[in-house]
Amino acid sequence: MPSDTNASPNAFAGMSIEHHLTELTILYGVSRALQRTLSQRKALQTILVGVTAGPGLAFNRGFVLLVDDKEKALRGRLAVGPESPEAASVIWNELQSKHRSLGELLDSLEESEIGVDVSVNRIVSQINIPLEYPEHPLIRVMRSHETALARQGVLEPHGLAVDSQTSQLLGAPEFAVAPLFLAHRDLGLLIADNAITRKPIATPHLRLLQIFAQEASAAIENTLLYRELLEQVALHEQANEELRSNQERLLRAERLSTMGKMAALLAHEIRTPLVSIGGFARRLLRSCPPEDPRREEMMIIVSEVARLERLVMEVLGYTKLAKPACAASDVNALIGSVVGTMQDEIGRSRVSIKLDLASDLRAVNLDEAQVRQALMNLVNNALDAMPQGGTLTITTRMDDSYLEIGVHDTGAGILKEHWSRLFTPFFTTKASGTGLGLVIVSQVVDNHQGSLRFESTPGKGTSFYLRFPSGTAGGSSDPPAGGRQGAGGV
């Protein structure tokens, strides 16, 4: 404003109107650019260019600090400004030669290199003020919703002393601080200075910065709301995807349930005649002289009937597993009984069996029928894994909390890519089989509130470890959290 006291009122009025038109042009150009973006970074860049551009507010540097709701802090986000007067001259001369107005500059902002200066963004990145420190001068200015000017170490009109860290970071003799807010929501701060030219910040520029900050606040709020909307949309899409996935799983479960009921019915109907066929076949084989040419055919019939009997028992075992009926059990005796029952299969497989059973086992509450079924399934799997023969070892040990049964074979091992599906119903790598054997083992262990793990090395063998509580009775049909474990656990 001129200081000539002889100037006419009309001259003052003319200059005032021109000044206001300039301000309105600046605000219109920035507002128009901000309305075309919902990207927070682009909005911040637009705001800062409006603060620092020659056709705009013409400050040397601009900094935006935003409230981080997650970290509960006021953090520096973005800054624009050159490092030196020479750099400033080059930048603005180039921009003025390309763009005649602030609107043109903001329209081509994506093609500009403004906002990527390393030094000012290094400064702004170091600003991180916890909101739990309400006495910090910048926090107080933000919550006051009044623009302040820092001059000679004091924020006026608040009368607050500028903290030394902020002064050292900015390195400017004075700077303006305009709160960013809408209604009762504090968004952050807009800081501007003339650190390059050292030009004093005049009152009209301070007032215009305050108006500018309100326009910036609305734009920042829009970007925040848009981001929150996108997050909500993503959450809803995720929820819809989970709902679709659950519906598909439910349909699959219903189909599997129907198939299971049908399989159980067929297995039940097949079992009776199959037992009769097997019994007669084995009787005929025993009565068949070794030199009889039909003996080999009889052996094939007996072997195939035994395989069918195993499949039927697996299906029935899977469909009938229920809450265990536990009673005090001698586990070593149970293992001996299982081995005795399967002696024919073990003998035909050319597998030698080794029992390493602890002699100091206490009686443990188990459902013997279920545990017997689990052990038979593991032994059958071990025999199948050693078609050329090998060694099957069954171990027991006990501590104060658990009884552990180990079933170890020296067979082909399990490929690592199959580990994750090992206990999935109907998954099998065998040429024949139901894929239910290990599922039954897993369910039996879960029914007893125990845990199951396995170790396997391709070409060397596989070990399964069944752990049952040794101090209390089982009986819950709900598996414990994290019941299956171990390096090869599932």
Protein backbone atom coordinates (compact mmCIF):
# COMPACT_ATOMS: atom_id res chain seq x y z
CA MET A 1 0.00 0.00 0.00
CA PRO A 2 1.51 3.45 -0.92
CA SER A 3 2.39 5.79 1.92
CA ASP A 4 1.66 9.05 -0.01
CA THR A 5 -0.76 10.97 2.23
CA ASN A 6 -1.67 13.28 -0.70
CA ALA A 7 -3.14 10.41 -2.71
CA SER A 8 -6.84 10.82 -3.44
CA PRO A 9 -9.48 8.52 -1.92
CA ASN A 10 -10.35 7.42 -5.46
CA ALA A 11 -6.77 6.28 -5.98
CA PHE A 12 -6.85 4.27 -2.78
CA ALA A 13 -10.20 2.78 -3.76
CA GLY A 14 -8.89 1.80 -7.19
CA MET A 15 -5.84 0.12 -5.77
CA SER A 16 -7.95 -1.68 -3.16
CA ILE A 17 -10.30 -3.07 -5.82
CA GLU A 18 -7.36 -4.22 -7.95
CA HIS A 19 -5.76 -5.86 -4.92
CA HIS A 20 -8.95 -7.70 -4.06
CA LEU A 21 -9.40 -8.83 -7.65
CA THR A 22 -5.90 -10.29 -7.53
CA GLU A 23 -6.72 -12.15 -4.34
CA LEU A 24 -9.98 -13.48 -5.81
CA THR A 25 -8.15 -14.59 -8.96
CA ILE A 26 -5.61 -16.50 -6.88
CA LEU A 27 -8.30 -18.16 -4.76
CA TYR A 28 -10.40 -19.01 -7.82
CA GLY A 29 -7.45 -20.57 -9.63
CA VAL A 30 -6.49 -22.73 -6.66
CA SER A 31 -10.10 -23.65 -5.84
CA ARG A 32 -10.72 -24.67 -9.46
CA ALA A 33 -7.63 -26.89 -9.47
CA LEU A 34 -8.48 -28.47 -6.11
CA GLN A 35 -11.99 -29.37 -7.26
CA ARG A 36 -10.53 -31.54 -10.02
CA THR A 37 -8.63 -33.94 -7.77
CA LEU A 38 -9.36 -36.35 -4.94
CA SER A 39 -5.74 -37.41 -4.57
CA GLN A 40 -4.37 -36.11 -1.30
CA ARG A 41 -0.83 -35.69 -2.61
CA LYS A 42 -2.02 -33.84 -5.71
CA ALA A 43 -4.21 -31.59 -3.52
CA LEU A 44 -1.30 -30.82 -1.18
CA GLN A 45 0.96 -30.09 -4.13
CA THR A 46 -1.67 -27.75 -5.61
CA ILE A 47 -2.00 -25.91 -2.29
CA LEU A 48 1.74 -25.51 -1.88
CA VAL A 49 2.25 -24.28 -5.45
CA GLY A 50 -0.51 -21.73 -4.88
CA VAL A 51 1.33 -20.57 -1.75
CA THR A 52 4.76 -20.32 -3.41
CA ALA A 53 4.09 -19.43 -7.08
CA GLY A 54 4.77 -15.89 -8.25
CA PRO A 55 1.24 -15.48 -9.63
CA GLY A 56 -0.02 -16.87 -6.31
CA LEU A 57 0.83 -15.85 -2.76
CA ALA A 58 4.53 -15.69 -3.73
CA PHE A 59 6.01 -17.08 -0.51
CA ASN A 60 9.43 -18.69 -0.93
CA ARG A 61 8.55 -21.98 0.73
CA GLY A 62 5.44 -23.81 1.88
CA PHE A 63 4.98 -26.73 4.28
CA VAL A 64 1.90 -28.84 5.04
CA LEU A 65 1.57 -30.67 8.38
CA LEU A 66 -1.38 -33.03 8.83
CA VAL A 67 -2.90 -34.79 11.83
CA ASP A 68 -2.22 -38.53 11.73
CA ASP A 69 -5.20 -40.08 13.53
CA LYS A 70 -3.58 -43.51 13.76
CA GLU A 71 -0.32 -42.29 15.27
CA LYS A 72 -1.99 -39.45 17.22
CA ALA A 73 0.55 -36.94 15.97
CA LEU A 74 0.97 -33.80 13.85
CA ARG A 75 3.31 -34.87 11.07
CA GLY A 76 5.00 -33.12 8.16
CA ARG A 77 3.60 -34.37 4.84
CA LEU A 78 4.83 -32.29 1.90
CA ALA A 79 6.83 -29.15 1.15
CA VAL A 80 7.62 -26.97 -1.86
CA GLY A 81 10.49 -24.51 -2.16
CA PRO A 82 13.94 -24.00 -3.72
CA GLU A 83 17.25 -24.34 -1.89
CA SER A 84 18.73 -21.01 -2.95
CA PRO A 85 17.90 -17.68 -4.65
CA GLU A 86 19.58 -18.93 -7.82
CA ALA A 87 17.43 -22.09 -7.89
CA ALA A 88 14.33 -20.00 -7.20
CA SER A 89 15.12 -17.65 -10.07
CA VAL A 90 15.62 -20.51 -12.52
CA ILE A 91 12.42 -22.29 -11.48
CA TRP A 92 10.10 -19.29 -11.55
CA ASN A 93 11.55 -17.75 -14.70
CA GLU A 94 11.01 -21.05 -16.48
CA LEU A 95 7.46 -21.36 -15.18
CA GLN A 96 6.58 -17.77 -16.05
CA SER A 97 7.81 -18.30 -19.59
CA LYS A 98 5.49 -21.29 -19.97
CA HIS A 99 2.41 -20.16 -18.02
CA ARG A 100 0.83 -16.72 -18.08
CA SER A 101 -1.46 -17.31 -15.08
CA LEU A 102 -1.71 -19.31 -11.88
CA GLY A 103 -4.55 -21.32 -13.43
CA GLU A 104 -2.36 -22.43 -16.34
CA LEU A 105 0.40 -23.35 -13.92
CA LEU A 106 -1.91 -25.46 -11.78
CA ASP A 107 -3.51 -27.08 -14.86
CA SER A 108 -0.08 -28.36 -15.95
CA LEU A 109 1.07 -29.24 -12.43
CA GLU A 110 1.55 -32.92 -13.22
CA GLU A 111 4.14 -32.00 -15.85
CA SER A 112 6.00 -29.68 -13.46
CA GLU A 113 8.94 -30.64 -11.29
CA ILE A 114 7.73 -28.50 -8.39
CA GLY A 115 7.32 -30.34 -5.10
CA VAL A 116 10.11 -32.86 -5.52
CA ASP A 117 12.84 -30.72 -3.93
CA VAL A 118 14.72 -32.96 -1.54
CA SER A 119 15.90 -30.41 1.02
CA VAL A 120 12.54 -28.92 2.00
CA ASN A 121 10.90 -32.34 2.10
CA ARG A 122 13.73 -33.59 4.30
CA ILE A 123 12.86 -30.71 6.64
CA VAL A 124 9.14 -31.40 6.70
CA SER A 125 9.65 -35.15 7.22
CA GLN A 126 11.40 -34.42 10.52
CA ILE A 127 8.35 -32.70 12.00
CA ASN A 128 6.45 -35.16 14.18
CA ILE A 129 4.66 -33.70 17.20
CA PRO A 130 2.57 -36.03 19.41
CA LEU A 131 -0.94 -34.68 20.03
CA GLU A 132 -0.53 -35.62 23.68
CA TYR A 133 1.66 -32.52 24.04
CA PRO A 134 -1.07 -29.82 23.86
CA GLU A 135 1.33 -27.12 25.13
CA HIS A 136 3.55 -27.38 22.07
CA PRO A 137 3.27 -23.97 20.31
CA LEU A 138 2.33 -25.46 16.92
CA ILE A 139 -0.34 -27.68 18.52
CA ARG A 140 -1.75 -24.64 20.34
CA VAL A 141 -1.87 -22.57 17.14
CA MET A 142 -3.61 -25.42 15.29
CA ARG A 143 -6.27 -25.76 18.01
CA SER A 144 -6.75 -21.99 18.30
CA HIS A 145 -7.94 -21.82 14.66
CA GLU A 146 -6.15 -18.46 14.35
CA THR A 147 -3.30 -17.65 11.99
CA ALA A 148 -0.02 -16.68 13.66
CA LEU A 149 3.19 -14.97 12.58
CA ALA A 150 6.48 -16.10 14.12
CA ARG A 151 8.82 -13.16 14.43
CA GLN A 152 11.84 -12.82 16.72
CA GLY A 153 11.05 -16.19 18.30
CA VAL A 154 7.44 -15.36 19.27
CA LEU A 155 4.18 -16.46 17.66
CA GLU A 156 1.90 -13.44 17.50
CA PRO A 157 -0.84 -12.65 18.41
CA HIS A 158 -0.70 -15.73 20.69
CA GLY A 159 2.42 -14.61 22.51
CA LEU A 160 3.87 -18.15 22.34
CA ALA A 161 7.60 -18.76 22.22
CA VAL A 162 8.66 -20.74 19.16
CA ASP A 163 10.36 -23.96 20.16
CA SER A 164 14.02 -24.21 19.22
CA GLN A 165 13.62 -27.40 17.18
CA THR A 166 11.09 -25.80 14.80
CA SER A 167 13.23 -22.66 14.47
CA GLN A 168 16.32 -24.68 13.64
CA LEU A 169 14.50 -26.88 11.14
CA LEU A 170 12.93 -24.00 9.21
CA GLY A 171 15.92 -21.65 9.50
CA ALA A 172 13.80 -18.63 8.56
CA PRO A 173 13.78 -15.27 10.39
CA GLU A 174 9.99 -15.35 10.39
CA PHE A 175 7.24 -17.61 9.16
CA ALA A 176 3.44 -17.70 9.02
CA VAL A 177 1.35 -20.50 10.48
CA ALA A 178 -2.25 -21.01 9.31
CA PRO A 179 -4.42 -23.71 10.95
CA LEU A 180 -6.18 -26.21 8.69
CA PHE A 181 -9.58 -27.10 10.14
CA LEU A 182 -13.24 -27.64 9.37
CA ALA A 183 -15.94 -27.24 12.02
CA HIS A 184 -14.40 -28.86 15.11
CA ARG A 185 -12.01 -31.15 13.24
CA ASP A 186 -8.34 -30.15 13.35
CA LEU A 187 -6.62 -31.19 10.12
CA GLY A 188 -3.14 -29.70 10.48
CA LEU A 189 -1.12 -26.59 9.67
CA LEU A 190 0.01 -24.66 6.60
CA ILE A 191 3.39 -22.97 7.13
CA ALA A 192 4.90 -20.40 4.73
CA ASP A 193 8.09 -18.34 4.87
CA ASN A 194 10.47 -16.21 2.83
CA ALA A 195 13.66 -18.02 3.85
CA ILE A 196 15.29 -17.34 0.45
CA THR A 197 14.59 -13.63 -0.11
CA ARG A 198 14.32 -12.75 3.62
CA LYS A 199 11.43 -10.49 2.67
CA PRO A 200 9.17 -9.58 5.64
CA ILE A 201 5.71 -11.11 5.68
CA ALA A 202 3.18 -8.29 5.37
CA THR A 203 -0.21 -8.29 7.08
CA PRO A 204 -2.16 -8.56 3.76
CA HIS A 205 -0.18 -11.71 2.88
CA LEU A 206 -0.92 -13.14 6.31
CA ARG A 207 -4.63 -12.47 5.90
CA LEU A 208 -4.65 -13.98 2.42
CA LEU A 209 -2.81 -17.07 3.73
CA GLN A 210 -5.56 -17.51 6.32
CA ILE A 211 -8.27 -17.38 3.64
CA PHE A 212 -6.19 -19.69 1.47
CA ALA A 213 -5.85 -22.16 4.37
CA GLN A 214 -9.63 -22.45 4.66
CA GLU A 215 -9.90 -23.37 0.98
CA ALA A 216 -7.08 -25.87 1.50
CA SER A 217 -8.87 -27.32 4.55
CA ALA A 218 -11.98 -28.11 2.51
CA ALA A 219 -9.87 -29.80 -0.17
CA ILE A 220 -7.92 -31.86 2.38
CA GLU A 221 -11.14 -32.89 4.10
CA ASN A 222 -12.53 -34.04 0.74
CA THR A 223 -9.46 -36.19 0.09
CA LEU A 224 -9.72 -37.68 3.59
CA LEU A 225 -13.40 -38.45 3.12
CA TYR A 226 -12.66 -39.94 -0.29
CA ARG A 227 -9.91 -42.11 1.18
CA GLU A 228 -12.25 -43.24 3.98
CA LEU A 229 -14.90 -43.99 1.36
CA LEU A 230 -12.44 -46.10 -0.63
CA GLU A 231 -11.48 -47.95 2.56
CA GLN A 232 -15.14 -48.61 3.34
CA VAL A 233 -15.76 -49.80 -0.23
CA ALA A 234 -12.74 -52.11 0.05
CA LEU A 235 -14.02 -53.45 3.38
CA HIS A 236 -17.47 -54.06 1.89
CA GLU A 237 -15.95 -55.74 -1.14
CA GLN A 238 -13.88 -57.92 1.16
CA ALA A 239 -16.97 -58.73 3.23
CA ASN A 240 -18.91 -59.58 0.06
CA GLU A 241 -16.04 -61.75 -1.15
CA GLU A 242 -15.95 -63.54 2.22
CA LEU A 243 -19.73 -63.97 2.05
CA ARG A 244 -19.48 -65.46 -1.45
CA SER A 245 -16.64 -67.69 -0.30
CA ASN A 246 -18.63 -68.82 2.75
CA GLN A 247 -21.65 -69.54 0.57
CA GLU A 248 -19.49 -71.62 -1.75
CA ARG A 249 -18.00 -73.47 1.22
CA LEU A 250 -21.48 -74.06 2.58
CA LEU A 251 -22.64 -75.48 -0.75
CA ARG A 252 -19.55 -77.68 -0.91
CA ALA A 253 -20.15 -78.78 2.68
CA GLU A 254 -23.76 -79.64 1.85
CA ARG A 255 -22.67 -81.62 -1.19
CA LEU A 256 -20.00 -83.39 0.84
CA SER A 257 -22.55 -84.10 3.56
CA THR A 258 -24.89 -85.64 1.02
CA MET A 259 -22.03 -87.64 -0.48
CA GLY A 260 -20.96 -88.70 3.01
CA LYS A 261 -24.43 -89.95 3.87
CA MET A 262 -24.61 -91.85 0.60
CA ALA A 263 -21.12 -93.27 1.13
CA ALA A 264 -21.99 -94.34 4.67
CA LEU A 265 -25.17 -96.04 3.44
CA LEU A 266 -23.32 -97.84 0.65
CA ALA A 267 -20.46 -98.82 2.96
CA HIS A 268 -22.90 -100.21 5.50
CA GLU A 269 -24.75 -102.21 2.85
CA ILE A 270 -21.51 -103.47 1.29
CA ARG A 271 -19.81 -104.43 4.55
CA THR A 272 -21.94 -107.48 5.41
CA PRO A 273 -21.59 -109.35 2.10
CA LEU A 274 -17.95 -108.25 1.88
CA VAL A 275 -17.15 -109.79 5.27
CA SER A 276 -18.75 -113.04 4.09
CA ILE A 277 -16.79 -112.99 0.84
CA GLY A 278 -13.57 -112.30 2.69
CA GLY A 279 -14.18 -115.04 5.21
CA PHE A 280 -14.91 -117.66 2.56
CA ALA A 281 -11.95 -116.48 0.44
CA ARG A 282 -9.51 -116.79 3.33
CA ARG A 283 -10.92 -120.23 4.26
CA LEU A 284 -10.51 -121.41 0.68
CA LEU A 285 -6.95 -120.06 0.58
CA ARG A 286 -6.02 -121.90 3.78
CA SER A 287 -7.37 -125.15 2.38
CA CYS A 288 -5.69 -124.68 -1.00
CA PRO A 289 -2.47 -126.78 -1.37
CA PRO A 290 0.69 -124.79 -2.21
CA GLU A 291 1.02 -126.60 -5.54
CA ASP A 292 -2.55 -125.78 -6.61
CA PRO A 293 -2.38 -123.45 -9.71
CA ARG A 294 -5.42 -121.57 -8.39
CA ARG A 295 -3.63 -120.53 -5.19
CA GLU A 296 -2.18 -117.35 -6.75
CA GLU A 297 -5.64 -116.30 -7.92
CA MET A 298 -7.03 -116.99 -4.45
CA MET A 299 -4.31 -114.83 -2.91
CA ILE A 300 -5.27 -111.96 -5.25
CA ILE A 301 -8.94 -112.31 -4.22
CA VAL A 302 -8.02 -112.25 -0.51
CA SER A 303 -5.75 -109.21 -1.00
CA GLU A 304 -8.38 -107.26 -2.94
CA VAL A 305 -11.10 -108.12 -0.46
CA ALA A 306 -8.84 -106.92 2.36
CA ARG A 307 -8.33 -103.64 0.49
CA LEU A 308 -12.08 -103.20 0.04
CA GLU A 309 -12.66 -104.00 3.72
CA ARG A 310 -10.16 -101.29 4.65
CA LEU A 311 -11.90 -98.74 2.42
CA VAL A 312 -15.29 -99.58 3.89
CA MET A 313 -13.94 -99.30 7.43
CA GLU A 314 -12.37 -95.91 6.65
CA VAL A 315 -15.63 -94.54 5.26
CA LEU A 316 -17.63 -95.88 8.20
CA GLY A 317 -15.00 -94.69 10.64
CA TYR A 318 -15.11 -91.17 9.18
CA THR A 319 -18.90 -90.91 9.26
CA LYS A 320 -19.29 -92.37 12.76
CA LEU A 321 -16.60 -90.42 14.64
CA ALA A 322 -18.30 -88.77 17.59
CA LYS A 323 -17.59 -87.65 21.12
CA PRO A 324 -15.20 -90.23 22.58
CA ALA A 325 -16.31 -92.56 25.35
CA CYS A 326 -13.14 -92.51 27.44
CA ALA A 327 -12.00 -95.06 29.99
CA ALA A 328 -8.69 -95.89 31.66
CA SER A 329 -6.59 -97.65 29.02
CA ASP A 330 -3.28 -99.49 28.86
CA VAL A 331 -1.82 -97.92 25.70
CA ASN A 332 1.03 -100.44 25.35
CA ALA A 333 -1.49 -103.29 25.46
CA LEU A 334 -3.66 -101.46 22.91
CA ILE A 335 -0.68 -101.13 20.54
CA GLY A 336 0.12 -104.80 20.97
CA SER A 337 -3.48 -105.67 20.11
CA VAL A 338 -3.37 -103.50 16.96
CA VAL A 339 -0.14 -105.15 15.80
CA GLY A 340 -1.58 -108.60 16.46
CA THR A 341 -4.76 -107.81 14.54
CA MET A 342 -2.76 -106.57 11.55
CA GLN A 343 -0.16 -109.35 11.61
CA ASP A 344 -1.29 -110.77 8.25
CA GLU A 345 -0.97 -107.40 6.49
CA ILE A 346 2.41 -106.77 8.12
CA GLY A 347 3.65 -110.22 7.12
CA ARG A 348 2.58 -109.85 3.49
CA SER A 349 4.30 -106.45 3.21
CA ARG A 350 7.80 -107.79 4.05
CA VAL A 351 8.07 -105.05 6.70
CA SER A 352 9.75 -105.78 10.00
CA ILE A 353 8.10 -104.24 13.04
CA LYS A 354 9.86 -102.83 16.08
CA LEU A 355 8.12 -101.82 19.31
CA ASP A 356 9.90 -99.33 21.56
CA LEU A 357 7.31 -98.95 24.33
CA ALA A 358 7.98 -97.16 27.62
CA SER A 359 7.63 -99.50 30.58
CA ASP A 360 6.43 -96.85 33.03
CA LEU A 361 3.24 -95.76 31.29
CA ARG A 362 0.28 -94.93 33.48
CA ALA A 363 -3.26 -95.74 32.42
CA VAL A 364 -4.70 -92.92 30.30
CA ASN A 365 -8.33 -92.02 29.67
CA LEU A 366 -8.98 -92.82 26.00
CA ASP A 367 -11.66 -94.09 23.69
CA GLU A 368 -9.88 -97.33 22.76
CA ALA A 369 -12.00 -97.93 19.66
CA GLN A 370 -11.16 -94.52 18.19
CA VAL A 371 -7.46 -94.67 19.05
CA ARG A 372 -7.30 -98.23 17.66
CA GLN A 373 -8.78 -96.97 14.38
CA ALA A 374 -6.26 -94.09 14.24
CA LEU A 375 -3.31 -96.43 14.85
CA MET A 376 -4.52 -98.93 12.26
CA ASN A 377 -4.78 -96.13 9.69
CA LEU A 378 -1.21 -94.98 10.44
CA VAL A 379 0.14 -98.53 10.24
CA ASN A 380 -1.65 -99.10 6.91
CA ASN A 381 -0.19 -95.85 5.55
CA ALA A 382 3.27 -96.88 6.72
CA LEU A 383 2.95 -100.26 5.01
CA ASP A 384 1.82 -98.59 1.78
CA ALA A 385 4.85 -96.28 1.97
CA MET A 386 7.23 -99.27 2.05
CA PRO A 387 6.23 -101.47 -0.93
CA GLN A 388 9.76 -102.90 -1.11
CA GLY A 389 9.92 -103.61 2.61
CA GLY A 390 11.40 -101.64 5.46
CA THR A 391 11.05 -101.10 9.19
CA LEU A 392 7.96 -99.94 11.06
CA THR A 393 8.67 -98.62 14.56
CA ILE A 394 6.01 -97.75 17.15
CA THR A 395 7.11 -95.83 20.25
CA THR A 396 5.49 -94.58 23.44
CA ARG A 397 6.66 -92.14 26.06
CA MET A 398 5.00 -90.10 28.79
CA ASP A 399 5.67 -86.96 30.81
CA ASP A 400 3.62 -85.12 33.41
CA SER A 401 1.26 -83.67 30.81
CA TYR A 402 1.13 -85.90 27.75
CA LEU A 403 1.31 -89.44 26.47
CA GLU A 404 2.96 -89.57 23.04
CA ILE A 405 2.62 -92.38 20.50
CA GLY A 406 5.02 -92.33 17.55
CA VAL A 407 4.61 -94.28 14.31
CA HIS A 408 7.77 -94.23 12.18
CA ASP A 409 8.44 -95.77 8.76
CA THR A 410 11.45 -95.96 6.46
CA GLY A 411 9.43 -95.43 3.31
CA ALA A 412 9.31 -92.92 0.47
CA GLY A 413 8.40 -89.91 2.60
CA ILE A 414 5.91 -87.15 1.80
CA LEU A 415 6.65 -84.40 -0.70
CA LYS A 416 6.61 -80.95 0.88
CA GLU A 417 4.06 -79.63 -1.61
CA HIS A 418 1.57 -82.16 -0.22
CA TRP A 419 1.97 -81.19 3.45
CA SER A 420 -0.72 -78.49 3.48
CA ARG A 421 -3.34 -80.91 2.07
CA LEU A 422 -2.33 -83.96 4.03
CA PHE A 423 -5.33 -83.81 6.38
CA THR A 424 -7.85 -82.69 3.75
CA PRO A 425 -10.75 -85.12 3.22
CA PHE A 426 -10.48 -87.23 0.05
CA PHE A 427 -6.93 -86.04 -0.75
CA THR A 428 -4.64 -88.97 -1.52
CA THR A 429 -1.49 -89.61 -3.53
CA LYS A 430 -2.18 -93.33 -3.76
CA ALA A 431 -3.49 -95.06 -6.87
CA SER A 432 -6.41 -96.25 -4.74
CA GLY A 433 -7.81 -95.08 -1.44
CA THR A 434 -10.38 -92.73 0.07
CA GLY A 435 -8.08 -90.04 1.38
CA LEU A 436 -9.81 -90.35 4.77
CA GLY A 437 -7.19 -92.25 6.78
CA LEU A 438 -5.24 -89.26 8.09
CA VAL A 439 -8.44 -87.20 8.42
CA ILE A 440 -9.73 -89.81 10.86
CA VAL A 441 -6.41 -89.77 12.75
CA SER A 442 -6.60 -85.99 13.05
CA GLN A 443 -10.21 -86.05 14.22
CA VAL A 444 -9.50 -88.72 16.84
CA VAL A 445 -6.65 -86.66 18.27
CA ASP A 446 -8.81 -83.51 18.29
CA ASN A 447 -11.64 -85.38 19.99
CA HIS A 448 -9.23 -86.23 22.82
CA GLN A 449 -7.97 -82.61 23.08
CA GLY A 450 -4.55 -83.77 21.96
CA SER A 451 -2.14 -82.67 19.26
CA LEU A 452 -0.73 -84.19 16.10
CA ARG A 453 2.47 -83.47 14.24
CA PHE A 454 4.57 -85.19 11.62
CA GLU A 455 8.08 -85.15 10.23
CA SER A 456 8.95 -86.41 6.77
CA THR A 457 12.05 -86.58 4.59
CA PRO A 458 11.57 -87.74 0.98
CA GLY A 459 13.43 -91.01 0.46
CA LYS A 460 14.02 -91.58 4.18
CA GLY A 461 10.64 -91.95 5.81
CA THR A 462 7.86 -90.33 7.81
CA SER A 463 7.04 -90.11 11.51
CA PHE A 464 3.67 -89.24 13.05
CA TYR A 465 3.38 -88.23 16.70
CA LEU A 466 0.05 -88.44 18.52
CA ARG A 467 -0.09 -86.69 21.89
CA PHE A 468 -2.91 -87.24 24.37
CA PRO A 469 -3.40 -85.55 27.75
CA SER A 470 -2.07 -87.92 30.40
CA GLY A 471 -3.53 -86.28 33.50
CA THR A 472 -7.18 -85.67 32.63
CA ALA A 473 -9.85 -87.48 30.70
CA GLY A 474 -10.59 -86.53 27.13
CA GLY A 475 -14.12 -86.10 25.97
CA SER A 476 -14.50 -82.69 24.37
CA SER A 477 -15.50 -82.79 20.76
CA ASP A 478 -13.97 -79.34 20.20
CA PRO A 479 -10.29 -79.24 19.15
CA PRO A 480 -7.99 -77.14 21.28
CA ALA A 481 -6.55 -73.92 19.94
CA GLY A 482 -3.39 -74.74 18.02
CA GLY A 483 -3.87 -78.45 18.65
CA ARG A 484 -1.87 -79.52 15.61
CA GLN A 485 1.68 -78.30 15.62
CA GLY A 486 5.31 -79.00 14.82
CA ALA A 487 7.74 -78.39 11.96
CA GLY A 488 5.62 -80.59 9.77
CA GLY A 489 2.50 -79.93 11.78
CA VAL A 490 -0.89 -79.15 10.38
